[in-house]
Amino acid sequence: METSKWIKFNYKSAIIFFAIMILTNLIFLPVLTGFGVDRAFGLFLLSSLGSWIGLSYVLLVKHGFYKSKKQAALFVAVVGFVCTASCYFLIYLN
């Protein structure tokens, strides 16, 4: 059976990604709400930042999905945009 080069799943990477997401929200959401930031906006901000950082870290550092620094910078920018747009959709438009 032939394995696809597009579908690669690693449990360690998934655990790292979800740990970053959960810890970001658990630690910093009470801090932001303590400073008077709206809970929905804080959740949006932390979820988009956590997913952006987590996905970029897992794919660039752990898996090495880049060939040059320019490609890595473009990847981080696109991941940031997609994560922010998806978090906005899930929190405000759902």
PDB file of N, CA and C in Angstrom:
ATOM      1  N   MET A   1       0.844  -1.177   0.000  1.00  0.00           N
ATOM      2  CA  MET A   1       0.000   0.000   0.000  1.00  0.00           C
ATOM      3  C   MET A   1       0.890   1.242   0.000  1.00  0.00           C
ATOM      4  N   GLU A   2       0.538   2.185  -0.795  1.00  0.00           N
ATOM      5  CA  GLU A   2       1.311   3.420  -0.956  1.00  0.00           C
ATOM      6  C   GLU A   2       0.790   4.486   0.003  1.00  0.00           C
ATOM      7  N   THR A   3       1.696   5.168   0.676  1.00  0.00           N
ATOM      8  CA  THR A   3       1.276   6.238   1.585  1.00  0.00           C
ATOM      9  C   THR A   3       1.315   7.574   0.844  1.00  0.00           C
ATOM     10  N   SER A   4       0.393   8.422   1.202  1.00  0.00           N
ATOM     11  CA  SER A   4       0.306   9.731   0.571  1.00  0.00           C
ATOM     12  C   SER A   4       1.323  10.684   1.198  1.00  0.00           C
ATOM     13  N   LYS A   5       1.918  11.539   0.363  1.00  0.00           N
ATOM     14  CA  LYS A   5       2.852  12.517   0.917  1.00  0.00           C
ATOM     15  C   LYS A   5       2.117  13.708   1.529  1.00  0.00           C
ATOM     16  N   TRP A   6       0.832  13.837   1.318  1.00  0.00           N
ATOM     17  CA  TRP A   6       0.060  14.957   1.848  1.00  0.00           C
ATOM     18  C   TRP A   6      -0.520  14.648   3.224  1.00  0.00           C
ATOM     19  N   ILE A   7      -0.827  13.389   3.491  1.00  0.00           N
ATOM     20  CA  ILE A   7      -1.462  13.033   4.751  1.00  0.00           C
ATOM     21  C   ILE A   7      -0.417  12.398   5.660  1.00  0.00           C
ATOM     22  N   LYS A   8       0.022  13.171   6.635  1.00  0.00           N
ATOM     23  CA  LYS A   8       0.957  12.691   7.640  1.00  0.00           C
ATOM     24  C   LYS A   8       0.390  13.081   8.995  1.00  0.00           C
ATOM     25  N   PHE A   9       0.276  12.118   9.863  1.00  0.00           N
ATOM     26  CA  PHE A   9      -0.274  12.405  11.182  1.00  0.00           C
ATOM     27  C   PHE A   9       0.701  11.907  12.230  1.00  0.00           C
ATOM     28  N   ASN A  10       0.985  12.746  13.174  1.00  0.00           N
ATOM     29  CA  ASN A  10       1.893  12.414  14.247  1.00  0.00           C
ATOM     30  C   ASN A  10       1.209  12.797  15.554  1.00  0.00           C
ATOM     31  N   TYR A  11       1.026  11.832  16.436  1.00  0.00           N
ATOM     32  CA  TYR A  11       0.340  12.101  17.696  1.00  0.00           C
ATOM     33  C   TYR A  11       1.085  13.113  18.554  1.00  0.00           C
ATOM     34  N   LYS A  12       2.404  13.062  18.533  1.00  0.00           N
ATOM     35  CA  LYS A  12       3.193  14.002  19.325  1.00  0.00           C
ATOM     36  C   LYS A  12       2.946  15.441  18.856  1.00  0.00           C
ATOM     37  N   SER A  13       2.878  15.644  17.548  1.00  0.00           N
ATOM     38  CA  SER A  13       2.602  16.978  17.012  1.00  0.00           C
ATOM     39  C   SER A  13       1.206  17.447  17.374  1.00  0.00           C
ATOM     40  N   ALA A  14       0.243  16.542  17.329  1.00  0.00           N
ATOM     41  CA  ALA A  14      -1.127  16.905  17.698  1.00  0.00           C
ATOM     42  C   ALA A  14      -1.214  17.276  19.172  1.00  0.00           C
ATOM     43  N   ILE A  15      -0.517  16.540  20.008  1.00  0.00           N
ATOM     44  CA  ILE A  15      -0.524  16.840  21.439  1.00  0.00           C
ATOM     45  C   ILE A  15       0.132  18.198  21.707  1.00  0.00           C
ATOM     46  N   ILE A  16       1.225  18.489  21.013  1.00  0.00           N
ATOM     47  CA  ILE A  16       1.891  19.794  21.172  1.00  0.00           C
ATOM     48  C   ILE A  16       0.965  20.920  20.731  1.00  0.00           C
ATOM     49  N   PHE A  17       0.311  20.754  19.574  1.00  0.00           N
ATOM     50  CA  PHE A  17      -0.596  21.787  19.064  1.00  0.00           C
ATOM     51  C   PHE A  17      -1.744  22.050  20.044  1.00  0.00           C
ATOM     52  N   PHE A  18      -2.413  20.996  20.477  1.00  0.00           N
ATOM     53  CA  PHE A  18      -3.557  21.181  21.363  1.00  0.00           C
ATOM     54  C   PHE A  18      -3.131  21.653  22.752  1.00  0.00           C
ATOM     55  N   ALA A  19      -1.942  21.267  23.199  1.00  0.00           N
ATOM     56  CA  ALA A  19      -1.446  21.768  24.481  1.00  0.00           C
ATOM     57  C   ALA A  19      -1.208  23.274  24.409  1.00  0.00           C
ATOM     58  N   ILE A  20      -0.637  23.742  23.297  1.00  0.00           N
ATOM     59  CA  ILE A  20      -0.432  25.183  23.128  1.00  0.00           C
ATOM     60  C   ILE A  20      -1.769  25.916  23.120  1.00  0.00           C
ATOM     61  N   MET A  21      -2.736  25.366  22.393  1.00  0.00           N
ATOM     62  CA  MET A  21      -4.057  26.003  22.323  1.00  0.00           C
ATOM     63  C   MET A  21      -4.729  26.057  23.694  1.00  0.00           C
ATOM     64  N   ILE A  22      -4.765  24.943  24.378  1.00  0.00           N
ATOM     65  CA  ILE A  22      -5.476  24.873  25.657  1.00  0.00           C
ATOM     66  C   ILE A  22      -4.778  25.722  26.716  1.00  0.00           C
ATOM     67  N   LEU A  23      -3.453  25.618  26.795  1.00  0.00           N
ATOM     68  CA  LEU A  23      -2.728  26.384  27.813  1.00  0.00           C
ATOM     69  C   LEU A  23      -2.804  27.888  27.561  1.00  0.00           C
ATOM     70  N   THR A  24      -2.771  28.283  26.293  1.00  0.00           N
ATOM     71  CA  THR A  24      -2.909  29.702  25.975  1.00  0.00           C
ATOM     72  C   THR A  24      -4.241  30.242  26.478  1.00  0.00           C
ATOM     73  N   ASN A  25      -5.307  29.494  26.221  1.00  0.00           N
ATOM     74  CA  ASN A  25      -6.623  29.956  26.655  1.00  0.00           C
ATOM     75  C   ASN A  25      -6.806  29.861  28.160  1.00  0.00           C
ATOM     76  N   LEU A  26      -6.311  28.792  28.775  1.00  0.00           N
ATOM     77  CA  LEU A  26      -6.490  28.640  30.216  1.00  0.00           C
ATOM     78  C   LEU A  26      -5.686  29.656  31.020  1.00  0.00           C
ATOM     79  N   ILE A  27      -4.505  29.981  30.561  1.00  0.00           N
ATOM     80  CA  ILE A  27      -3.651  30.894  31.328  1.00  0.00           C
ATOM     81  C   ILE A  27      -4.007  32.356  31.084  1.00  0.00           C
ATOM     82  N   PHE A  28      -4.173  32.735  29.817  1.00  0.00           N
ATOM     83  CA  PHE A  28      -4.268  34.157  29.503  1.00  0.00           C
ATOM     84  C   PHE A  28      -5.694  34.701  29.393  1.00  0.00           C
ATOM     85  N   LEU A  29      -6.707  33.856  29.229  1.00  0.00           N
ATOM     86  CA  LEU A  29      -8.071  34.377  29.149  1.00  0.00           C
ATOM     87  C   LEU A  29      -8.517  35.016  30.464  1.00  0.00           C
ATOM     88  N   PRO A  30      -8.267  34.409  31.625  1.00  0.00           N
ATOM     89  CA  PRO A  30      -8.620  35.110  32.871  1.00  0.00           C
ATOM     90  C   PRO A  30      -7.843  36.416  33.069  1.00  0.00           C
ATOM     91  N   VAL A  31      -6.608  36.455  32.587  1.00  0.00           N
ATOM     92  CA  VAL A  31      -5.815  37.677  32.703  1.00  0.00           C
ATOM     93  C   VAL A  31      -6.432  38.794  31.860  1.00  0.00           C
ATOM     94  N   LEU A  32      -6.798  38.464  30.621  1.00  0.00           N
ATOM     95  CA  LEU A  32      -7.401  39.476  29.747  1.00  0.00           C
ATOM     96  C   LEU A  32      -8.759  39.942  30.269  1.00  0.00           C
ATOM     97  N   THR A  33      -9.573  39.004  30.745  1.00  0.00           N
ATOM     98  CA  THR A  33     -10.871  39.421  31.282  1.00  0.00           C
ATOM     99  C   THR A  33     -10.688  40.224  32.568  1.00  0.00           C
ATOM    100  N   GLY A  34      -9.627  39.955  33.308  1.00  0.00           N
ATOM    101  CA  GLY A  34      -9.324  40.752  34.497  1.00  0.00           C
ATOM    102  C   GLY A  34      -8.956  42.187  34.152  1.00  0.00           C
ATOM    103  N   PHE A  35      -8.371  42.387  32.982  1.00  0.00           N
ATOM    104  CA  PHE A  35      -8.038  43.737  32.518  1.00  0.00           C
ATOM    105  C   PHE A  35      -9.218  44.436  31.857  1.00  0.00           C
ATOM    106  N   GLY A  36     -10.366  43.777  31.794  1.00  0.00           N
ATOM    107  CA  GLY A  36     -11.562  44.400  31.258  1.00  0.00           C
ATOM    108  C   GLY A  36     -11.816  44.130  29.788  1.00  0.00           C
ATOM    109  N   VAL A  37     -11.073  43.217  29.191  1.00  0.00           N
ATOM    110  CA  VAL A  37     -11.300  42.864  27.787  1.00  0.00           C
ATOM    111  C   VAL A  37     -12.524  41.961  27.712  1.00  0.00           C
ATOM    112  N   ASP A  38     -13.387  42.198  26.726  1.00  0.00           N
ATOM    113  CA  ASP A  38     -14.562  41.370  26.516  1.00  0.00           C
ATOM    114  C   ASP A  38     -14.156  39.911  26.362  1.00  0.00           C
ATOM    115  N   ARG A  39     -14.936  39.011  26.969  1.00  0.00           N
ATOM    116  CA  ARG A  39     -14.581  37.586  26.950  1.00  0.00           C
ATOM    117  C   ARG A  39     -14.544  37.018  25.532  1.00  0.00           C
ATOM    118  N   ALA A  40     -15.485  37.401  24.680  1.00  0.00           N
ATOM    119  CA  ALA A  40     -15.503  36.900  23.309  1.00  0.00           C
ATOM    120  C   ALA A  40     -14.285  37.392  22.525  1.00  0.00           C
ATOM    121  N   PHE A  41     -13.921  38.658  22.707  1.00  0.00           N
ATOM    122  CA  PHE A  41     -12.746  39.183  22.019  1.00  0.00           C
ATOM    123  C   PHE A  41     -11.468  38.529  22.538  1.00  0.00           C
ATOM    124  N   GLY A  42     -11.381  38.318  23.835  1.00  0.00           N
ATOM    125  CA  GLY A  42     -10.218  37.638  24.401  1.00  0.00           C
ATOM    126  C   GLY A  42     -10.093  36.213  23.892  1.00  0.00           C
ATOM    127  N   LEU A  43     -11.217  35.520  23.799  1.00  0.00           N
ATOM    128  CA  LEU A  43     -11.210  34.162  23.263  1.00  0.00           C
ATOM    129  C   LEU A  43     -10.795  34.153  21.801  1.00  0.00           C
ATOM    130  N   PHE A  44     -11.293  35.124  21.037  1.00  0.00           N
ATOM    131  CA  PHE A  44     -10.892  35.250  19.631  1.00  0.00           C
ATOM    132  C   PHE A  44      -9.404  35.531  19.507  1.00  0.00           C
ATOM    133  N   LEU A  45      -8.924  36.476  20.275  1.00  0.00           N
ATOM    134  CA  LEU A  45      -7.515  36.850  20.199  1.00  0.00           C
ATOM    135  C   LEU A  45      -6.592  35.704  20.602  1.00  0.00           C
ATOM    136  N   LEU A  46      -6.891  35.057  21.708  1.00  0.00           N
ATOM    137  CA  LEU A  46      -6.027  33.983  22.195  1.00  0.00           C
ATOM    138  C   LEU A  46      -6.121  32.725  21.335  1.00  0.00           C
ATOM    139  N   SER A  47      -7.310  32.421  20.841  1.00  0.00           N
ATOM    140  CA  SER A  47      -7.439  31.241  19.981  1.00  0.00           C
ATOM    141  C   SER A  47      -6.721  31.436  18.659  1.00  0.00           C
ATOM    142  N   SER A  48      -6.835  32.627  18.082  1.00  0.00           N
ATOM    143  CA  SER A  48      -6.144  32.858  16.817  1.00  0.00           C
ATOM    144  C   SER A  48      -4.637  32.880  17.011  1.00  0.00           C
ATOM    145  N   LEU A  49      -4.151  33.510  18.083  1.00  0.00           N
ATOM    146  CA  LEU A  49      -2.712  33.514  18.353  1.00  0.00           C
ATOM    147  C   LEU A  49      -2.194  32.117  18.694  1.00  0.00           C
ATOM    148  N   GLY A  50      -2.942  31.386  19.509  1.00  0.00           N
ATOM    149  CA  GLY A  50      -2.524  30.039  19.887  1.00  0.00           C
ATOM    150  C   GLY A  50      -2.476  29.086  18.713  1.00  0.00           C
ATOM    151  N   SER A  51      -3.491  29.148  17.861  1.00  0.00           N
ATOM    152  CA  SER A  51      -3.487  28.263  16.694  1.00  0.00           C
ATOM    153  C   SER A  51      -2.415  28.681  15.695  1.00  0.00           C
ATOM    154  N   TRP A  52      -2.204  29.979  15.556  1.00  0.00           N
ATOM    155  CA  TRP A  52      -1.161  30.484  14.664  1.00  0.00           C
ATOM    156  C   TRP A  52       0.224  30.029  15.122  1.00  0.00           C
ATOM    157  N   ILE A  53       0.510  30.225  16.375  1.00  0.00           N
ATOM    158  CA  ILE A  53       1.811  29.834  16.916  1.00  0.00           C
ATOM    159  C   ILE A  53       1.954  28.317  16.941  1.00  0.00           C
ATOM    160  N   GLY A  54       0.917  27.622  17.373  1.00  0.00           N
ATOM    161  CA  GLY A  54       0.986  26.164  17.463  1.00  0.00           C
ATOM    162  C   GLY A  54       1.170  25.496  16.122  1.00  0.00           C
ATOM    163  N   LEU A  55       0.387  25.914  15.138  1.00  0.00           N
ATOM    164  CA  LEU A  55       0.484  25.303  13.808  1.00  0.00           C
ATOM    165  C   LEU A  55       1.807  25.653  13.140  1.00  0.00           C
ATOM    166  N   SER A  56       2.238  26.882  13.292  1.00  0.00           N
ATOM    167  CA  SER A  56       3.528  27.270  12.713  1.00  0.00           C
ATOM    168  C   SER A  56       4.671  26.504  13.370  1.00  0.00           C
ATOM    169  N   TYR A  57       4.629  26.368  14.675  1.00  0.00           N
ATOM    170  CA  TYR A  57       5.685  25.645  15.376  1.00  0.00           C
ATOM    171  C   TYR A  57       5.732  24.178  14.957  1.00  0.00           C
ATOM    172  N   VAL A  58       4.573  23.542  14.947  1.00  0.00           N
ATOM    173  CA  VAL A  58       4.543  22.114  14.624  1.00  0.00           C
ATOM    174  C   VAL A  58       5.004  21.869  13.195  1.00  0.00           C
ATOM    175  N   LEU A  59       4.513  22.648  12.261  1.00  0.00           N
ATOM    176  CA  LEU A  59       4.842  22.369  10.861  1.00  0.00           C
ATOM    177  C   LEU A  59       6.229  22.859  10.458  1.00  0.00           C
ATOM    178  N   LEU A  60       6.682  23.974  11.015  1.00  0.00           N
ATOM    179  CA  LEU A  60       7.992  24.487  10.615  1.00  0.00           C
ATOM    180  C   LEU A  60       9.131  23.907  11.441  1.00  0.00           C
ATOM    181  N   VAL A  61       8.964  23.843  12.735  1.00  0.00           N
ATOM    182  CA  VAL A  61      10.061  23.397  13.590  1.00  0.00           C
ATOM    183  C   VAL A  61      10.099  21.876  13.707  1.00  0.00           C
ATOM    184  N   LYS A  62       8.964  21.270  14.002  1.00  0.00           N
ATOM    185  CA  LYS A  62       8.951  19.827  14.221  1.00  0.00           C
ATOM    186  C   LYS A  62       9.053  19.036  12.919  1.00  0.00           C
ATOM    187  N   HIS A  63       8.346  19.482  11.865  1.00  0.00           N
ATOM    188  CA  HIS A  63       8.336  18.737  10.609  1.00  0.00           C
ATOM    189  C   HIS A  63       9.247  19.320   9.545  1.00  0.00           C
ATOM    190  N   GLY A  64       9.643  20.561   9.694  1.00  0.00           N
ATOM    191  CA  GLY A  64      10.563  21.188   8.743  1.00  0.00           C
ATOM    192  C   GLY A  64       9.977  21.379   7.352  1.00  0.00           C
ATOM    193  N   PHE A  65       8.767  21.942   7.271  1.00  0.00           N
ATOM    194  CA  PHE A  65       8.085  22.130   5.987  1.00  0.00           C
ATOM    195  C   PHE A  65       8.489  23.437   5.311  1.00  0.00           C
ATOM    196  N   TYR A  66       9.744  23.716   5.163  1.00  0.00           N
ATOM    197  CA  TYR A  66      10.166  24.900   4.423  1.00  0.00           C
ATOM    198  C   TYR A  66      11.556  24.664   3.852  1.00  0.00           C
ATOM    199  N   LYS A  67      11.835  25.363   2.776  1.00  0.00           N
ATOM    200  CA  LYS A  67      13.134  25.236   2.125  1.00  0.00           C
ATOM    201  C   LYS A  67      13.980  26.499   2.275  1.00  0.00           C
ATOM    202  N   SER A  68      13.337  27.630   2.524  1.00  0.00           N
ATOM    203  CA  SER A  68      14.071  28.885   2.694  1.00  0.00           C
ATOM    204  C   SER A  68      13.349  29.731   3.738  1.00  0.00           C
ATOM    205  N   LYS A  69      14.017  30.772   4.199  1.00  0.00           N
ATOM    206  CA  LYS A  69      13.410  31.657   5.196  1.00  0.00           C
ATOM    207  C   LYS A  69      12.256  32.455   4.595  1.00  0.00           C
ATOM    208  N   LYS A  70      12.354  32.774   3.316  1.00  0.00           N
ATOM    209  CA  LYS A  70      11.273  33.501   2.652  1.00  0.00           C
ATOM    210  C   LYS A  70      10.018  32.633   2.590  1.00  0.00           C
ATOM    211  N   GLN A  71      10.188  31.352   2.269  1.00  0.00           N
ATOM    212  CA  GLN A  71       9.051  30.445   2.225  1.00  0.00           C
ATOM    213  C   GLN A  71       8.452  30.265   3.625  1.00  0.00           C
ATOM    214  N   ALA A  72       9.287  30.194   4.639  1.00  0.00           N
ATOM    215  CA  ALA A  72       8.802  30.055   6.013  1.00  0.00           C
ATOM    216  C   ALA A  72       8.036  31.305   6.450  1.00  0.00           C
ATOM    217  N   ALA A  73       8.539  32.482   6.094  1.00  0.00           N
ATOM    218  CA  ALA A  73       7.848  33.726   6.455  1.00  0.00           C
ATOM    219  C   ALA A  73       6.498  33.832   5.761  1.00  0.00           C
ATOM    220  N   LEU A  74       6.443  33.443   4.495  1.00  0.00           N
ATOM    221  CA  LEU A  74       5.167  33.451   3.766  1.00  0.00           C
ATOM    222  C   LEU A  74       4.205  32.450   4.382  1.00  0.00           C
ATOM    223  N   PHE A  75       4.707  31.289   4.764  1.00  0.00           N
ATOM    224  CA  PHE A  75       3.863  30.271   5.397  1.00  0.00           C
ATOM    225  C   PHE A  75       3.285  30.782   6.710  1.00  0.00           C
ATOM    226  N   VAL A  76       4.114  31.415   7.528  1.00  0.00           N
ATOM    227  CA  VAL A  76       3.647  31.950   8.816  1.00  0.00           C
ATOM    228  C   VAL A  76       2.591  33.033   8.594  1.00  0.00           C
ATOM    229  N   ALA A  77       2.775  33.882   7.594  1.00  0.00           N
ATOM    230  CA  ALA A  77       1.791  34.931   7.306  1.00  0.00           C
ATOM    231  C   ALA A  77       0.461  34.338   6.845  1.00  0.00           C
ATOM    232  N   VAL A  78       0.516  33.356   5.980  1.00  0.00           N
ATOM    233  CA  VAL A  78      -0.724  32.726   5.488  1.00  0.00           C
ATOM    234  C   VAL A  78      -1.425  31.971   6.610  1.00  0.00           C
ATOM    235  N   VAL A  79      -0.658  31.250   7.423  1.00  0.00           N
ATOM    236  CA  VAL A  79      -1.254  30.527   8.551  1.00  0.00           C
ATOM    237  C   VAL A  79      -1.889  31.514   9.531  1.00  0.00           C
ATOM    238  N   GLY A  80      -1.246  32.636   9.775  1.00  0.00           N
ATOM    239  CA  GLY A  80      -1.817  33.645  10.655  1.00  0.00           C
ATOM    240  C   GLY A  80      -3.129  34.185  10.134  1.00  0.00           C
ATOM    241  N   PHE A  81      -3.186  34.463   8.835  1.00  0.00           N
ATOM    242  CA  PHE A  81      -4.426  34.955   8.238  1.00  0.00           C
ATOM    243  C   PHE A  81      -5.537  33.915   8.314  1.00  0.00           C
ATOM    244  N   VAL A  82      -5.231  32.679   7.968  1.00  0.00           N
ATOM    245  CA  VAL A  82      -6.247  31.617   7.966  1.00  0.00           C
ATOM    246  C   VAL A  82      -6.729  31.319   9.386  1.00  0.00           C
ATOM    247  N   CYS A  83      -5.827  31.264  10.340  1.00  0.00           N
ATOM    248  CA  CYS A  83      -6.226  31.002  11.723  1.00  0.00           C
ATOM    249  C   CYS A  83      -7.072  32.140  12.287  1.00  0.00           C
ATOM    250  N   THR A  84      -6.706  33.373  11.985  1.00  0.00           N
ATOM    251  CA  THR A  84      -7.479  34.514  12.455  1.00  0.00           C
ATOM    252  C   THR A  84      -8.866  34.535  11.818  1.00  0.00           C
ATOM    253  N   ALA A  85      -8.937  34.279  10.519  1.00  0.00           N
ATOM    254  CA  ALA A  85     -10.233  34.266   9.831  1.00  0.00           C
ATOM    255  C   ALA A  85     -11.117  33.131  10.334  1.00  0.00           C
ATOM    256  N   SER A  86     -10.554  31.962  10.556  1.00  0.00           N
ATOM    257  CA  SER A  86     -11.370  30.845  11.035  1.00  0.00           C
ATOM    258  C   SER A  86     -11.824  31.064  12.472  1.00  0.00           C
ATOM    259  N   CYS A  87     -10.983  31.647  13.318  1.00  0.00           N
ATOM    260  CA  CYS A  87     -11.403  31.927  14.692  1.00  0.00           C
ATOM    261  C   CYS A  87     -12.484  33.006  14.716  1.00  0.00           C
ATOM    262  N   TYR A  88     -12.362  33.999  13.854  1.00  0.00           N
ATOM    263  CA  TYR A  88     -13.404  35.039  13.770  1.00  0.00           C
ATOM    264  C   TYR A  88     -14.729  34.420  13.356  1.00  0.00           C
ATOM    265  N   PHE A  89     -14.683  33.544  12.365  1.00  0.00           N
ATOM    266  CA  PHE A  89     -15.907  32.889  11.917  1.00  0.00           C
ATOM    267  C   PHE A  89     -16.516  32.036  13.028  1.00  0.00           C
ATOM    268  N   LEU A  90     -15.694  31.263  13.726  1.00  0.00           N
ATOM    269  CA  LEU A  90     -16.206  30.364  14.754  1.00  0.00           C
ATOM    270  C   LEU A  90     -16.744  31.118  15.975  1.00  0.00           C
ATOM    271  N   ILE A  91     -16.156  32.235  16.330  1.00  0.00           N
ATOM    272  CA  ILE A  91     -16.571  32.917  17.550  1.00  0.00           C
ATOM    273  C   ILE A  91     -17.678  33.939  17.287  1.00  0.00           C
ATOM    274  N   TYR A  92     -17.569  34.719  16.227  1.00  0.00           N
ATOM    275  CA  TYR A  92     -18.527  35.804  16.009  1.00  0.00           C
ATOM    276  C   TYR A  92     -19.640  35.488  15.019  1.00  0.00           C
ATOM    277  N   LEU A  93     -19.388  34.665  14.029  1.00  0.00           N
ATOM    278  CA  LEU A  93     -20.397  34.436  13.002  1.00  0.00           C
ATOM    279  C   LEU A  93     -21.135  33.116  13.153  1.00  0.00           C
ATOM    280  N   ASN A  94     -20.777  32.330  14.115  1.00  0.00           N
ATOM    281  CA  ASN A  94     -21.437  31.034  14.288  1.00  0.00           C
ATOM    282  C   ASN A  94     -22.631  31.169  15.183  1.00  0.00           C
TER     283      ASN A  94
END
